[in-house]
Amino acid sequence: MTSASEVRFGGIPWAAELIRDPDWVVCATSSRTPKSSTEDSFFAETLKTDRTIKHLLSLHLKPDENADPPIQAVRTIMDLGDGVNGHPDLCHGGFVATLMDEVMGVLLTINMERASSWRRGEPSDLGLFTAYIKVNYKRPVPTPNVVLATARFEKKEGKKAWVVGSIEDGMGVVYATGEALFVQPKGKL
């Protein structure tokens, strides 16, 4: 079944091309689903309006069973409204950093969910939290706008994962790049 977001982005040539790419798979973005625990409420509720992020669609690179973790990259297409502005017709810089952190989290979550299903419910070693994130702002992000956020693993060592990402216009203009370190906490938070 085709989602409203797939229909919306299917009408944008660069986005439609990404959706049709046979090396990529449309996947659920679990942070867009409200949970009784209130986890993910920022993206599932606060940023899920006609003025913030009206539509969102994630795709992941087909798994490489020889890689750790198997899904090495994600793309998330977002339809941004003017409710995320910091200046007239421009996204707030903190919101751009939030998008970067979120798309990197989508990459981690997709792998965590996949690992848990493989291990029949055993905890995954990808239950990671942002230790640091660095965002390099290249140019302002105009709104309203459809943007492409990307994330890919640089490396993973034990309980640490380094991820890089970007926020782009889908046609070659890069608005921001980022790098982050995610760590698994030693104890329960």
Protein backbone atom coordinates (compact mmCIF):
# COMPACT_ATOMS: atom_id res chain seq x y z
CA MET A 1 0.00 0.00 0.00
CA THR A 2 1.33 3.43 -0.93
CA SER A 3 1.46 5.99 1.88
CA ALA A 4 0.43 9.64 1.60
CA SER A 5 4.13 10.56 1.90
CA GLU A 6 5.07 8.25 -0.98
CA VAL A 7 2.37 9.89 -3.11
CA ARG A 8 3.55 13.39 -2.11
CA PHE A 9 7.23 12.68 -2.80
CA GLY A 10 6.46 10.60 -5.90
CA GLY A 11 5.42 13.87 -7.56
CA ILE A 12 8.86 15.43 -7.05
CA PRO A 13 11.28 14.14 -9.73
CA TRP A 14 14.42 13.83 -7.58
CA ALA A 15 12.50 12.23 -4.71
CA ALA A 16 10.67 9.84 -7.03
CA GLU A 17 14.02 8.72 -8.43
CA LEU A 18 15.27 7.97 -4.90
CA ILE A 19 12.12 5.99 -4.08
CA ARG A 20 12.48 3.90 -7.27
CA ASP A 21 16.20 3.16 -6.71
CA PRO A 22 16.41 -0.68 -6.51
CA ASP A 23 19.28 -0.53 -3.97
CA TRP A 24 17.06 1.22 -1.42
CA VAL A 25 14.02 0.02 0.54
CA VAL A 26 11.18 2.19 1.88
CA CYS A 27 11.02 1.58 5.63
CA ALA A 28 9.05 2.63 8.68
CA THR A 29 10.27 5.62 10.67
CA SER A 30 9.37 4.49 14.18
CA SER A 31 9.99 7.92 15.71
CA ARG A 32 6.90 9.20 13.82
CA THR A 33 4.61 6.85 15.76
CA PRO A 34 3.28 8.11 19.13
CA LYS A 35 4.08 5.75 22.03
CA SER A 36 2.42 5.44 25.44
CA SER A 37 5.88 5.81 27.06
CA THR A 38 6.11 9.32 25.46
CA GLU A 39 9.31 8.20 23.71
CA ASP A 40 9.67 9.97 20.36
CA SER A 41 6.87 12.44 21.17
CA PHE A 42 8.92 15.31 19.71
CA PHE A 43 8.91 13.80 16.19
CA ALA A 44 5.67 11.81 16.52
CA GLU A 45 3.56 14.71 17.77
CA THR A 46 5.23 18.13 18.07
CA LEU A 47 6.92 17.98 14.64
CA LYS A 48 4.12 16.12 12.84
CA THR A 49 1.88 18.99 11.76
CA ASP A 50 1.03 20.81 8.54
CA ARG A 51 3.39 23.64 9.58
CA THR A 52 6.37 21.56 10.77
CA ILE A 53 7.07 18.21 9.04
CA LYS A 54 3.92 17.40 7.08
CA HIS A 55 5.30 14.34 5.29
CA LEU A 56 8.31 12.15 6.01
CA LEU A 57 9.58 9.03 4.25
CA SER A 58 12.65 6.97 5.12
CA LEU A 59 14.53 4.52 2.94
CA HIS A 60 17.45 2.30 3.89
CA LEU A 61 20.19 0.81 1.78
CA LYS A 62 19.65 -2.90 1.24
CA PRO A 63 21.35 -4.86 4.03
CA ASP A 64 24.92 -6.08 3.59
CA GLU A 65 25.11 -9.24 5.69
CA ASN A 66 28.92 -8.92 5.82
CA ALA A 67 28.78 -5.44 7.37
CA ASP A 68 28.38 -4.57 11.05
CA PRO A 69 25.67 -3.40 11.27
CA PRO A 70 24.06 -4.71 8.06
CA ILE A 71 22.17 -1.52 7.13
CA GLN A 72 24.86 1.04 6.47
CA ALA A 73 22.87 4.08 5.27
CA VAL A 74 19.47 5.78 5.33
CA ARG A 75 17.76 8.58 3.43
CA THR A 76 14.84 10.49 4.89
CA ILE A 77 12.80 12.85 2.73
CA MET A 78 10.94 15.55 4.66
CA ASP A 79 8.32 18.12 3.68
CA LEU A 80 9.10 21.13 5.88
CA GLY A 81 6.69 23.92 6.65
CA ASP A 82 7.20 27.42 8.00
CA GLY A 83 6.57 26.32 11.58
CA VAL A 84 10.27 25.39 11.85
CA ASN A 85 11.53 28.87 10.95
CA GLY A 86 14.10 30.86 12.87
CA HIS A 87 14.11 33.70 10.34
CA PRO A 88 11.50 34.51 7.68
CA ASP A 89 11.40 31.63 5.18
CA LEU A 90 14.46 29.92 6.76
CA CYS A 91 14.74 26.96 9.16
CA HIS A 92 15.97 27.57 12.67
CA GLY A 93 19.57 26.37 13.02
CA GLY A 94 18.69 24.27 16.05
CA PHE A 95 16.00 22.56 14.01
CA VAL A 96 18.58 21.71 11.32
CA ALA A 97 20.75 20.11 14.02
CA THR A 98 17.67 18.23 15.25
CA LEU A 99 17.07 16.88 11.72
CA MET A 100 20.68 15.71 11.57
CA ASP A 101 20.42 13.94 14.93
CA GLU A 102 17.08 12.41 13.95
CA VAL A 103 18.20 10.92 10.63
CA MET A 104 21.25 9.45 12.35
CA GLY A 105 18.90 8.01 14.97
CA VAL A 106 16.75 6.50 12.22
CA LEU A 107 19.83 4.62 10.97
CA LEU A 108 20.58 3.31 14.47
CA THR A 109 16.96 2.38 15.17
CA ILE A 110 16.46 0.48 11.91
CA ASN A 111 19.51 -1.64 12.72
CA MET A 112 18.45 -2.11 16.35
CA GLU A 113 14.97 -3.26 15.32
CA ARG A 114 16.42 -5.62 12.72
CA ALA A 115 18.95 -7.07 15.18
CA SER A 116 16.28 -7.62 17.83
CA SER A 117 14.05 -9.48 15.38
CA TRP A 118 16.98 -11.68 14.31
CA ARG A 119 17.85 -12.44 17.92
CA ARG A 120 14.25 -13.25 18.85
CA GLY A 121 13.79 -10.37 21.23
CA GLU A 122 17.27 -10.26 22.75
CA PRO A 123 18.50 -6.71 23.42
CA SER A 124 20.47 -5.16 20.60
CA ASP A 125 23.91 -3.63 21.01
CA LEU A 126 22.69 -0.60 19.05
CA GLY A 127 20.61 0.99 21.85
CA LEU A 128 22.80 4.07 21.56
CA PHE A 129 22.55 7.70 22.65
CA THR A 130 24.10 10.81 21.12
CA ALA A 131 27.41 11.56 22.89
CA TYR A 132 28.22 14.47 20.59
CA ILE A 133 27.03 15.87 17.31
CA LYS A 134 28.80 18.45 15.18
CA VAL A 135 26.84 20.25 12.48
CA ASN A 136 28.54 22.30 9.76
CA TYR A 137 26.07 24.82 8.34
CA LYS A 138 26.78 25.38 4.64
CA ARG A 139 23.78 27.52 3.69
CA PRO A 140 20.35 28.38 5.11
CA VAL A 141 17.54 25.86 4.63
CA PRO A 142 14.59 27.61 2.94
CA THR A 143 10.99 26.89 3.91
CA PRO A 144 8.59 25.63 2.88
CA ASN A 145 10.79 23.02 1.26
CA VAL A 146 11.30 19.32 0.69
CA VAL A 147 14.71 18.21 1.93
CA LEU A 148 16.77 15.05 1.90
CA ALA A 149 18.51 14.02 5.12
CA THR A 150 21.11 11.25 4.89
CA ALA A 151 23.10 9.23 7.40
CA ARG A 152 25.71 6.50 7.09
CA PHE A 153 28.00 4.63 9.40
CA GLU A 154 31.66 5.64 9.44
CA LYS A 155 32.67 2.91 11.88
CA LYS A 156 31.47 0.91 14.86
CA GLU A 157 33.65 -0.28 17.73
CA GLY A 158 32.09 -2.10 20.62
CA LYS A 159 29.56 0.19 22.28
CA LYS A 160 30.39 3.19 20.07
CA ALA A 161 29.23 4.16 16.59
CA TRP A 162 30.41 7.07 14.44
CA VAL A 163 27.87 8.36 11.94
CA VAL A 164 28.02 11.09 9.27
CA GLY A 165 25.12 12.82 7.60
CA SER A 166 23.83 15.66 5.48
CA ILE A 167 20.80 17.84 4.86
CA GLU A 168 20.38 18.62 1.14
CA ASP A 169 17.88 19.83 -1.42
CA GLY A 170 17.94 16.49 -3.28
CA MET A 171 19.52 18.04 -6.37
CA GLY A 172 23.07 18.64 -5.17
CA VAL A 173 22.79 21.67 -2.88
CA VAL A 174 24.09 20.79 0.59
CA TYR A 175 22.63 22.82 3.45
CA ALA A 176 24.49 21.12 6.30
CA THR A 177 26.79 18.22 7.05
CA GLY A 178 27.32 16.51 10.35
CA GLU A 179 29.19 13.90 12.29
CA ALA A 180 28.25 12.26 15.55
CA LEU A 181 29.36 9.73 18.11
CA PHE A 182 26.73 7.48 19.65
CA VAL A 183 27.43 5.40 22.74
CA GLN A 184 25.65 2.62 24.59
CA PRO A 185 25.17 3.54 28.24
CA LYS A 186 26.76 1.27 30.84
CA GLY A 187 23.69 1.07 33.03
CA LYS A 188 20.02 1.74 32.85
CA LEU A 189 19.08 5.39 32.40
